[in-house]
Protein backbone atom coordinates (compact mmCIF):
# COMPACT_ATOMS: atom_id res chain seq x y z
CA UNK A 1 71.34 -59.70 -26.13
CA UNK A 2 71.73 -63.38 -27.23
CA UNK A 3 68.24 -64.70 -27.54
CA UNK A 4 65.94 -61.58 -28.42
CA UNK A 5 62.19 -61.28 -28.81
CA UNK A 6 61.55 -61.11 -32.75
CA UNK A 7 58.26 -61.89 -33.36
CA UNK A 8 55.19 -61.61 -31.22
CA UNK A 9 51.66 -63.25 -32.98
CA UNK A 10 48.08 -62.95 -32.28
CA UNK A 11 46.37 -66.47 -32.81
CA UNK A 12 42.57 -65.42 -32.54
CA UNK A 13 38.71 -66.58 -33.23
CA UNK A 14 37.93 -63.68 -34.52
CA UNK A 15 40.64 -61.94 -36.95
CA UNK A 16 38.43 -59.23 -38.41
CA UNK A 17 37.42 -58.08 -34.89
CA UNK A 18 41.39 -58.08 -33.49
CA UNK A 19 42.57 -56.30 -36.55
CA UNK A 20 39.96 -53.46 -35.86
CA UNK A 21 40.30 -53.55 -32.17
CA UNK A 22 44.58 -53.34 -32.77
CA UNK A 23 44.55 -50.77 -35.33
CA UNK A 24 42.41 -48.83 -33.54
CA UNK A 25 44.29 -49.12 -29.84
CA UNK A 26 47.13 -48.57 -30.98
CA UNK A 27 49.18 -47.02 -34.22
CA UNK A 28 49.84 -50.11 -35.88
CA UNK A 29 50.30 -50.75 -39.61
CA UNK A 30 48.44 -53.90 -40.96
CA UNK A 31 49.23 -55.61 -43.74
CA UNK A 32 47.57 -59.00 -45.42
CA UNK A 33 50.00 -61.51 -46.63
CA UNK A 34 48.93 -62.24 -50.30
CA UNK A 35 47.59 -65.40 -50.75
CA UNK A 36 47.73 -66.31 -46.56
CA UNK A 37 45.38 -66.14 -44.23
CA UNK A 38 48.14 -63.55 -42.26
CA UNK A 39 48.33 -60.13 -41.22
CA UNK A 40 51.56 -58.90 -40.36
CA UNK A 41 51.49 -56.30 -37.70
CA UNK A 42 54.19 -53.20 -38.64
CA UNK A 43 54.72 -51.52 -34.90
CA UNK A 44 57.58 -48.77 -36.35
CA UNK A 45 59.89 -49.30 -33.87
CA UNK A 46 60.79 -52.71 -31.94
CA UNK A 47 59.45 -56.59 -32.48
CA UNK A 48 56.11 -56.27 -34.57
CA UNK A 49 54.06 -59.42 -35.66
CA UNK A 50 51.39 -60.96 -36.67
CA UNK A 51 47.48 -61.93 -36.65
CA UNK A 52 46.25 -65.47 -37.68
CA UNK A 53 42.92 -67.59 -36.75
CA UNK A 54 43.09 -69.68 -34.06
CA UNK A 55 44.59 -73.40 -35.10
CA UNK A 56 42.48 -75.19 -33.07
CA UNK A 57 38.43 -74.18 -33.43
CA UNK A 58 37.98 -74.97 -29.55
CA UNK A 59 40.95 -72.76 -28.68
CA UNK A 60 40.60 -69.24 -26.85
CA UNK A 61 42.75 -66.62 -28.49
CA UNK A 62 46.14 -65.83 -27.26
CA UNK A 63 49.57 -63.80 -27.80
CA UNK A 64 52.52 -66.48 -28.70
CA UNK A 65 55.83 -64.99 -28.31
CA UNK A 66 58.86 -66.05 -30.28
CA UNK A 67 63.05 -65.76 -29.36
CA UNK A 68 65.62 -65.95 -31.82
CA UNK A 69 67.83 -69.01 -31.12
CA UNK A 70 70.70 -70.15 -33.75
CA UNK A 71 69.47 -73.99 -33.98
CA UNK A 72 65.70 -74.25 -33.28
CA UNK A 73 66.18 -78.21 -33.19
CA UNK A 74 68.68 -78.06 -30.79
CA UNK A 75 67.33 -75.31 -28.44
CA UNK A 76 64.10 -77.15 -28.49
CA UNK A 77 66.24 -80.35 -27.33
CA UNK A 78 68.21 -78.39 -24.25
CA UNK A 79 64.39 -77.31 -22.83
CA UNK A 80 62.90 -80.30 -23.14
CA UNK A 81 65.94 -81.55 -21.04
CA UNK A 82 65.66 -78.53 -18.70
CA UNK A 83 62.26 -79.72 -18.22
CA UNK A 84 60.09 -78.47 -20.84
CA UNK A 85 57.21 -80.04 -22.78
CA UNK A 86 57.25 -79.82 -27.01
CA UNK A 87 54.32 -79.08 -28.21
CA UNK A 88 55.09 -78.64 -32.00
CA UNK A 89 58.42 -80.42 -33.19
CA UNK A 90 60.20 -78.36 -35.58
CA UNK A 91 58.04 -76.57 -38.16
CA UNK A 92 59.40 -75.39 -41.25
CA UNK A 93 58.03 -72.02 -42.74
CA UNK A 94 58.94 -71.84 -46.34
CA UNK A 95 61.64 -69.54 -47.10
CA UNK A 96 61.31 -67.84 -44.04
CA UNK A 97 62.68 -70.08 -41.21
CA UNK A 98 62.02 -72.70 -38.67
CA UNK A 99 60.17 -72.79 -35.65
CA UNK A 100 59.04 -74.98 -32.41
CA UNK A 101 56.22 -74.43 -29.50
CA UNK A 102 57.37 -75.10 -26.23
CA UNK A 103 55.84 -75.49 -22.69
CA UNK A 104 58.34 -74.83 -19.80
CA UNK A 105 57.86 -76.36 -16.77
CA UNK A 106 55.57 -73.77 -15.02
CA UNK A 107 52.85 -74.21 -17.85
CA UNK A 108 54.05 -71.01 -19.74
CA UNK A 109 54.80 -71.67 -23.87
CA UNK A 110 56.90 -69.64 -25.60
CA UNK A 111 57.66 -70.03 -29.52
CA UNK A 112 61.28 -70.80 -30.72
CA UNK A 113 62.60 -69.09 -33.82
CA UNK A 114 65.48 -70.22 -36.52
CA UNK A 115 65.75 -67.71 -39.12
CA UNK A 116 66.50 -68.62 -42.93
CA UNK A 117 69.77 -67.23 -43.60
CA UNK A 118 68.21 -67.01 -47.22
CA UNK A 119 65.40 -64.80 -45.99
CA UNK A 120 67.65 -61.91 -44.81
CA UNK A 121 69.74 -61.20 -47.44
CA UNK A 122 68.48 -58.56 -50.08
CA UNK A 123 66.80 -59.35 -53.58
CA UNK A 124 69.02 -59.12 -56.60
């Protein structure tokens, strides 16, 4: 597949409650990232994800899917020309890659993800 889903992220108003709920509902392994307010979700096989506090205090909890692209800036611009709205311009996640969030013409949000090639190299 050319552009697979590579990450699914929960932004929630209740991180502790979400962690308790999903760890009991599914056999997911949750791992808090040291020094960050972020929890990785390891699903075993398939696309993993993360859990974090919602950025906007009045925002409801929601899931966001990330799709892998070769160049996030090019993909975001292509989406815009096809009728999407850019909700979040290209933003770097230091050492990991870059993302942008779009809303498609029907109003559905989607994140575009470009991995930093250096983050995929084995440690020396």
